[in-house]
């Protein structure tokens, strides 16, 4: 299939496919006599893997490491499991940060309900958000 067909099937644009080729995530495409790239089903499958890996939160560097292991003849499952466990911990840490932010925002909103705009001094930008001195 040509690059436009592959892009359509994968739900990406042709530039993305070219980028993945340059990064070594996809093998270089065979060329037809007219210079058009020609892709096979293995490349389409690899592109599907890349997209699914990104959806799981893996970076292109992570994905490259997985592909390198596979191309070297190793089964990358243990490596993938470790990468996913790391991503899960990152997500959990971010959830904790977001929970703290949610609490702080709720506190500021509740505090704002008791403030009188007439009490706002010219020396502050907004009394709802406390100013921290540098």
N, C-alpha and C. Protein backbone atom coordinates (compact mmCIF):
# COMPACT_ATOMS: atom_id res chain seq x y z
N UNK A 1 0.84 -1.18 0.00
CA UNK A 1 0.00 0.00 0.00
C UNK A 1 0.89 1.24 0.00
N UNK A 2 0.37 2.31 -0.52
CA UNK A 2 1.10 3.57 -0.56
C UNK A 2 0.92 4.32 0.76
N UNK A 3 1.73 5.36 0.93
CA UNK A 3 1.75 6.08 2.20
C UNK A 3 0.39 6.67 2.55
N UNK A 4 -0.34 7.17 1.56
CA UNK A 4 -1.66 7.74 1.83
C UNK A 4 -2.64 6.68 2.33
N UNK A 5 -2.55 5.49 1.75
CA UNK A 5 -3.42 4.40 2.18
C UNK A 5 -3.08 3.97 3.61
N UNK A 6 -1.78 3.85 3.87
CA UNK A 6 -1.34 3.48 5.22
C UNK A 6 -1.77 4.53 6.23
N UNK A 7 -1.61 5.78 5.88
CA UNK A 7 -2.00 6.87 6.77
C UNK A 7 -3.49 6.81 7.08
N UNK A 8 -4.28 6.56 6.06
CA UNK A 8 -5.73 6.49 6.23
C UNK A 8 -6.11 5.33 7.14
N UNK A 9 -5.52 4.18 6.91
CA UNK A 9 -5.81 2.98 7.72
C UNK A 9 -5.40 3.21 9.18
N UNK A 10 -4.25 3.85 9.38
CA UNK A 10 -3.72 4.02 10.73
C UNK A 10 -4.30 5.23 11.45
N UNK A 11 -4.95 6.13 10.72
CA UNK A 11 -5.50 7.31 11.36
C UNK A 11 -4.46 8.36 11.69
N UNK A 12 -3.39 8.39 10.89
CA UNK A 12 -2.34 9.40 11.05
C UNK A 12 -2.15 10.09 9.70
N UNK A 13 -1.33 11.12 9.69
CA UNK A 13 -1.03 11.73 8.39
C UNK A 13 0.28 11.18 7.85
N UNK A 14 0.52 11.42 6.60
CA UNK A 14 1.71 10.88 5.94
C UNK A 14 2.99 11.42 6.58
N UNK A 15 2.96 12.66 7.05
CA UNK A 15 4.14 13.23 7.70
C UNK A 15 4.53 12.42 8.94
N UNK A 16 3.54 11.93 9.66
CA UNK A 16 3.81 11.11 10.85
C UNK A 16 4.54 9.84 10.46
N UNK A 17 4.10 9.22 9.39
CA UNK A 17 4.74 8.00 8.92
C UNK A 17 6.19 8.28 8.52
N UNK A 18 6.40 9.35 7.80
CA UNK A 18 7.76 9.73 7.40
C UNK A 18 8.63 10.00 8.64
N UNK A 19 8.04 10.68 9.63
CA UNK A 19 8.76 10.95 10.88
C UNK A 19 9.16 9.65 11.57
N UNK A 20 8.23 8.72 11.67
CA UNK A 20 8.54 7.43 12.30
C UNK A 20 9.63 6.70 11.54
N UNK A 21 9.63 6.80 10.24
CA UNK A 21 10.70 6.20 9.43
C UNK A 21 12.05 6.84 9.78
N UNK A 22 12.08 8.16 9.83
CA UNK A 22 13.33 8.86 10.15
C UNK A 22 13.84 8.49 11.54
N UNK A 23 12.92 8.29 12.48
CA UNK A 23 13.29 7.91 13.85
C UNK A 23 13.67 6.44 13.98
N UNK A 24 13.45 5.67 12.92
CA UNK A 24 13.78 4.24 12.96
C UNK A 24 12.70 3.38 13.58
N UNK A 25 11.54 3.97 13.85
CA UNK A 25 10.44 3.19 14.41
C UNK A 25 9.78 2.32 13.34
N UNK A 26 9.79 2.79 12.12
CA UNK A 26 9.29 2.03 10.98
C UNK A 26 10.45 1.77 10.04
N UNK A 27 10.47 0.60 9.41
CA UNK A 27 11.54 0.34 8.44
C UNK A 27 11.36 1.25 7.22
N UNK A 28 12.45 1.53 6.56
CA UNK A 28 12.37 2.32 5.33
C UNK A 28 11.50 1.59 4.33
N UNK A 29 10.65 2.33 3.69
CA UNK A 29 9.71 1.73 2.74
C UNK A 29 10.43 1.39 1.44
N UNK A 30 9.94 0.32 0.82
CA UNK A 30 10.41 0.00 -0.53
C UNK A 30 9.88 1.09 -1.45
N UNK A 31 10.57 1.30 -2.55
CA UNK A 31 10.15 2.32 -3.49
C UNK A 31 9.73 1.68 -4.81
N UNK A 32 8.65 2.20 -5.35
CA UNK A 32 8.22 1.79 -6.67
C UNK A 32 9.10 2.49 -7.70
N UNK A 33 9.00 2.11 -8.94
CA UNK A 33 9.81 2.71 -10.00
C UNK A 33 9.60 4.22 -10.09
N UNK A 34 8.40 4.67 -9.76
CA UNK A 34 8.10 6.10 -9.82
C UNK A 34 8.50 6.84 -8.54
N UNK A 35 9.11 6.13 -7.58
CA UNK A 35 9.58 6.75 -6.35
C UNK A 35 8.59 6.72 -5.20
N UNK A 36 7.36 6.26 -5.44
CA UNK A 36 6.37 6.20 -4.37
C UNK A 36 6.78 5.14 -3.35
N UNK A 37 6.53 5.46 -2.09
CA UNK A 37 6.77 4.48 -1.04
C UNK A 37 5.72 3.37 -1.14
N UNK A 38 6.18 2.15 -0.87
CA UNK A 38 5.28 1.00 -0.87
C UNK A 38 5.43 0.29 0.47
N UNK A 39 4.32 0.15 1.19
CA UNK A 39 4.34 -0.45 2.53
C UNK A 39 3.65 -1.80 2.50
N UNK A 40 4.12 -2.69 3.38
CA UNK A 40 3.51 -4.00 3.49
C UNK A 40 2.68 -4.09 4.78
N UNK A 41 2.05 -5.22 4.96
CA UNK A 41 1.20 -5.42 6.15
C UNK A 41 2.01 -5.40 7.44
N UNK A 42 3.26 -5.84 7.39
CA UNK A 42 4.10 -5.81 8.59
C UNK A 42 4.32 -4.38 9.06
N UNK A 43 4.49 -3.46 8.12
CA UNK A 43 4.67 -2.06 8.49
C UNK A 43 3.37 -1.50 9.07
N UNK A 44 2.25 -1.88 8.48
CA UNK A 44 0.96 -1.44 9.01
C UNK A 44 0.77 -1.96 10.43
N UNK A 45 1.17 -3.20 10.66
CA UNK A 45 1.07 -3.79 11.99
C UNK A 45 1.98 -3.05 12.97
N UNK A 46 3.20 -2.75 12.55
CA UNK A 46 4.14 -2.02 13.39
C UNK A 46 3.58 -0.64 13.73
N UNK A 47 2.99 0.02 12.76
CA UNK A 47 2.40 1.33 12.99
C UNK A 47 1.25 1.22 14.00
N UNK A 48 0.46 0.16 13.90
CA UNK A 48 -0.59 -0.07 14.88
C UNK A 48 -0.02 -0.24 16.28
N UNK A 49 1.10 -0.97 16.37
CA UNK A 49 1.76 -1.15 17.67
C UNK A 49 2.23 0.20 18.23
N UNK A 50 2.82 1.02 17.37
CA UNK A 50 3.30 2.33 17.81
C UNK A 50 2.15 3.17 18.35
N UNK A 51 1.06 3.21 17.62
CA UNK A 51 -0.10 4.01 18.03
C UNK A 51 -0.70 3.49 19.34
N UNK A 52 -0.80 2.17 19.48
CA UNK A 52 -1.34 1.59 20.71
C UNK A 52 -0.41 1.85 21.89
N UNK A 53 0.89 1.80 21.64
CA UNK A 53 1.86 2.07 22.70
C UNK A 53 1.78 3.52 23.16
N UNK A 54 1.61 4.43 22.21
CA UNK A 54 1.44 5.83 22.58
C UNK A 54 0.16 6.02 23.39
N UNK A 55 -0.90 5.34 23.01
CA UNK A 55 -2.16 5.45 23.74
C UNK A 55 -2.01 4.94 25.17
N UNK A 56 -1.07 4.00 25.37
CA UNK A 56 -0.80 3.48 26.71
C UNK A 56 0.15 4.38 27.49
N UNK A 57 0.56 5.50 26.88
CA UNK A 57 1.39 6.46 27.58
C UNK A 57 2.88 6.32 27.34
N UNK A 58 3.28 5.40 26.47
CA UNK A 58 4.71 5.22 26.23
C UNK A 58 5.23 6.29 25.28
N UNK A 59 6.44 6.72 25.52
CA UNK A 59 7.08 7.72 24.67
C UNK A 59 7.68 7.04 23.44
N UNK A 60 8.05 7.84 22.47
CA UNK A 60 8.69 7.27 21.28
C UNK A 60 10.03 6.62 21.64
N UNK A 61 10.71 7.16 22.64
CA UNK A 61 11.95 6.54 23.11
C UNK A 61 11.67 5.16 23.71
N UNK A 62 10.61 5.07 24.52
CA UNK A 62 10.21 3.77 25.08
C UNK A 62 9.90 2.78 23.96
N UNK A 63 9.11 3.25 23.00
CA UNK A 63 8.69 2.39 21.89
C UNK A 63 9.90 1.94 21.08
N UNK A 64 10.83 2.83 20.86
CA UNK A 64 12.05 2.49 20.14
C UNK A 64 12.83 1.39 20.86
N UNK A 65 12.88 1.48 22.18
CA UNK A 65 13.61 0.46 22.95
C UNK A 65 12.94 -0.91 22.83
N UNK A 66 11.63 -0.92 22.79
CA UNK A 66 10.88 -2.17 22.63
C UNK A 66 11.15 -2.77 21.26
N UNK A 67 11.06 -1.93 20.25
CA UNK A 67 11.30 -2.40 18.88
C UNK A 67 12.73 -2.90 18.73
N UNK A 68 13.69 -2.21 19.32
CA UNK A 68 15.09 -2.64 19.24
C UNK A 68 15.28 -4.02 19.87
N UNK A 69 14.65 -4.25 20.99
CA UNK A 69 14.74 -5.57 21.62
C UNK A 69 14.16 -6.65 20.70
N UNK A 70 13.01 -6.37 20.14
CA UNK A 70 12.37 -7.34 19.25
C UNK A 70 13.24 -7.62 18.02
N UNK A 71 13.80 -6.55 17.44
CA UNK A 71 14.64 -6.72 16.26
C UNK A 71 15.94 -7.46 16.58
N UNK A 72 16.38 -7.39 17.83
CA UNK A 72 17.58 -8.12 18.26
C UNK A 72 17.26 -9.58 18.57
N UNK A 73 15.99 -9.96 18.44
CA UNK A 73 15.60 -11.35 18.67
C UNK A 73 15.11 -11.64 20.07
N UNK A 74 15.06 -10.62 20.93
CA UNK A 74 14.58 -10.81 22.30
C UNK A 74 13.08 -10.62 22.37
N UNK A 75 12.47 -11.28 23.34
CA UNK A 75 11.05 -11.07 23.61
C UNK A 75 10.97 -9.92 24.61
N UNK A 76 10.35 -8.81 24.23
CA UNK A 76 10.41 -7.60 25.07
C UNK A 76 9.35 -7.51 26.16
N UNK A 77 8.62 -8.57 26.42
CA UNK A 77 7.49 -8.48 27.35
C UNK A 77 7.88 -7.98 28.73
N UNK A 78 8.97 -8.47 29.27
CA UNK A 78 9.39 -8.03 30.61
C UNK A 78 9.73 -6.54 30.60
N UNK A 79 10.40 -6.11 29.56
CA UNK A 79 10.75 -4.69 29.41
C UNK A 79 9.49 -3.84 29.29
N UNK A 80 8.53 -4.30 28.50
CA UNK A 80 7.26 -3.57 28.32
C UNK A 80 6.53 -3.49 29.65
N UNK A 81 6.48 -4.60 30.39
CA UNK A 81 5.80 -4.60 31.68
C UNK A 81 6.44 -3.59 32.63
N UNK A 82 7.77 -3.50 32.62
CA UNK A 82 8.46 -2.54 33.48
C UNK A 82 8.15 -1.11 33.05
N UNK A 83 8.13 -0.86 31.75
CA UNK A 83 7.80 0.48 31.26
C UNK A 83 6.38 0.86 31.67
N UNK A 84 5.44 -0.07 31.50
CA UNK A 84 4.05 0.21 31.86
C UNK A 84 3.89 0.43 33.36
N UNK A 85 4.63 -0.34 34.16
CA UNK A 85 4.57 -0.14 35.62
C UNK A 85 5.07 1.26 35.99
N UNK A 86 6.12 1.70 35.31
CA UNK A 86 6.62 3.06 35.54
C UNK A 86 5.61 4.11 35.15
N UNK A 87 4.95 3.90 34.01
CA UNK A 87 3.91 4.85 33.57
C UNK A 87 2.75 4.87 34.56
N UNK A 88 2.39 3.71 35.08
CA UNK A 88 1.30 3.65 36.05
C UNK A 88 1.67 4.44 37.30
N UNK A 89 2.90 4.32 37.75
CA UNK A 89 3.32 5.09 38.93
C UNK A 89 3.31 6.58 38.62
N UNK A 90 3.71 6.96 37.42
CA UNK A 90 3.64 8.36 37.01
C UNK A 90 2.20 8.87 37.05
N UNK A 91 1.28 8.06 36.56
CA UNK A 91 -0.14 8.45 36.55
C UNK A 91 -0.65 8.59 37.98
N UNK A 92 -0.28 7.66 38.83
CA UNK A 92 -0.73 7.74 40.23
C UNK A 92 -0.15 8.96 40.93
N UNK A 93 1.09 9.28 40.65
CA UNK A 93 1.70 10.47 41.25
C UNK A 93 0.97 11.72 40.75
N UNK A 94 0.66 11.74 39.47
CA UNK A 94 -0.06 12.89 38.90
C UNK A 94 -1.46 12.99 39.49
N UNK A 95 -2.11 11.85 39.73
CA UNK A 95 -3.43 11.87 40.36
C UNK A 95 -3.35 12.46 41.76
N UNK A 96 -2.29 12.11 42.49
CA UNK A 96 -2.12 12.69 43.84
C UNK A 96 -1.93 14.21 43.74
N UNK A 97 -1.12 14.64 42.78
CA UNK A 97 -0.91 16.08 42.58
C UNK A 97 -2.22 16.77 42.21
N UNK A 98 -2.99 16.14 41.35
CA UNK A 98 -4.27 16.73 40.94
C UNK A 98 -5.26 16.77 42.10
N UNK A 99 -5.23 15.75 42.96
CA UNK A 99 -6.12 15.75 44.13
C UNK A 99 -5.77 16.91 45.06
N UNK A 100 -4.48 17.17 45.24
CA UNK A 100 -4.06 18.32 46.06
C UNK A 100 -4.49 19.63 45.41
N UNK A 101 -4.32 19.73 44.11
CA UNK A 101 -4.74 20.92 43.39
C UNK A 101 -6.25 21.11 43.49
N UNK A 102 -7.01 20.03 43.36
CA UNK A 102 -8.46 20.11 43.48
C UNK A 102 -8.85 20.65 44.85
N UNK A 103 -8.19 20.15 45.89
CA UNK A 103 -8.47 20.60 47.25
C UNK A 103 -8.16 22.08 47.41
N UNK A 104 -7.02 22.51 46.88
CA UNK A 104 -6.63 23.91 46.96
C UNK A 104 -7.61 24.80 46.21
N UNK A 105 -8.02 24.38 45.02
CA UNK A 105 -8.99 25.16 44.25
C UNK A 105 -10.32 25.26 44.97
N UNK A 106 -10.76 24.16 45.54
CA UNK A 106 -12.02 24.16 46.28
C UNK A 106 -11.93 25.11 47.47
N UNK A 107 -10.79 25.08 48.16
CA UNK A 107 -10.58 25.98 49.30
C UNK A 107 -10.63 27.44 48.85
N UNK A 108 -9.97 27.77 47.74
CA UNK A 108 -9.96 29.15 47.24
C UNK A 108 -11.36 29.59 46.82
N UNK A 109 -12.10 28.69 46.18
CA UNK A 109 -13.47 29.03 45.75
C UNK A 109 -14.36 29.28 46.97
N UNK A 110 -14.25 28.42 47.97
CA UNK A 110 -15.04 28.60 49.19
C UNK A 110 -14.66 29.91 49.88
N UNK A 111 -13.36 30.20 49.94
CA UNK A 111 -12.92 31.44 50.57
C UNK A 111 -13.42 32.66 49.80
N UNK A 112 -13.52 32.54 48.49
CA UNK A 112 -13.97 33.67 47.68
C UNK A 112 -15.43 34.02 47.94
N UNK A 113 -16.20 33.07 48.42
CA UNK A 113 -17.61 33.30 48.69
C UNK A 113 -17.81 34.27 49.86
N UNK A 114 -16.79 34.35 50.71
CA UNK A 114 -16.90 35.20 51.91
C UNK A 114 -16.17 36.54 51.76
N UNK A 115 -15.64 36.81 50.61
CA UNK A 115 -14.89 38.05 50.41
C UNK A 115 -15.79 39.13 49.82
N UNK A 116 -15.52 40.34 50.24
CA UNK A 116 -16.24 41.50 49.71
C UNK A 116 -15.30 42.23 48.76
N UNK A 117 -15.67 42.37 47.49
CA UNK A 117 -14.80 43.08 46.53
C UNK A 117 -14.43 44.49 47.00
N UNK A 118 -15.26 45.09 47.82
CA UNK A 118 -14.97 46.44 48.31
C UNK A 118 -13.76 46.44 49.24
N UNK A 119 -13.44 45.28 49.81
CA UNK A 119 -12.30 45.18 50.72
C UNK A 119 -10.98 44.95 49.99
N UNK A 120 -11.03 44.79 48.69
CA UNK A 120 -9.83 44.51 47.89
C UNK A 120 -8.98 45.78 47.83
N UNK A 121 -7.75 45.69 48.28
CA UNK A 121 -6.89 46.87 48.28
C UNK A 121 -6.19 47.01 46.93
N UNK A 122 -5.77 48.22 46.66
CA UNK A 122 -5.08 48.51 45.40
C UNK A 122 -3.71 47.85 45.34
N UNK A 123 -3.19 47.44 46.49
CA UNK A 123 -1.87 46.82 46.54
C UNK A 123 -1.86 45.34 46.18
N UNK A 124 -3.03 44.78 45.99
CA UNK A 124 -3.11 43.37 45.61
C UNK A 124 -3.79 43.25 44.26
N UNK A 125 -3.48 42.19 43.56
CA UNK A 125 -4.13 41.96 42.28
C UNK A 125 -5.53 41.40 42.51
N UNK A 126 -5.60 40.39 43.35
CA UNK A 126 -6.89 39.78 43.69
C UNK A 126 -6.75 39.12 45.04
N UNK A 127 -7.66 39.42 45.95
CA UNK A 127 -7.55 38.90 47.31
C UNK A 127 -7.93 37.42 47.43
N UNK A 128 -8.53 36.86 46.39
CA UNK A 128 -8.88 35.43 46.43
C UNK A 128 -7.62 34.58 46.44
N UNK A 129 -6.65 34.99 45.65
CA UNK A 129 -5.40 34.22 45.55
C UNK A 129 -4.37 34.91 46.41
N UNK A 130 -3.94 34.23 47.47
CA UNK A 130 -2.96 34.86 48.38
C UNK A 130 -1.63 35.09 47.67
N UNK A 131 -1.05 36.24 47.95
CA UNK A 131 0.23 36.57 47.35
C UNK A 131 1.36 36.09 48.25
N UNK A 132 2.28 35.39 47.62
CA UNK A 132 3.46 34.94 48.35
C UNK A 132 4.59 35.90 48.05
N UNK A 133 5.25 36.33 49.08
CA UNK A 133 6.36 37.27 48.91
C UNK A 133 7.59 36.50 48.43
N UNK A 134 8.28 37.06 47.42
CA UNK A 134 9.48 36.39 46.91
C UNK A 134 10.63 36.44 47.89
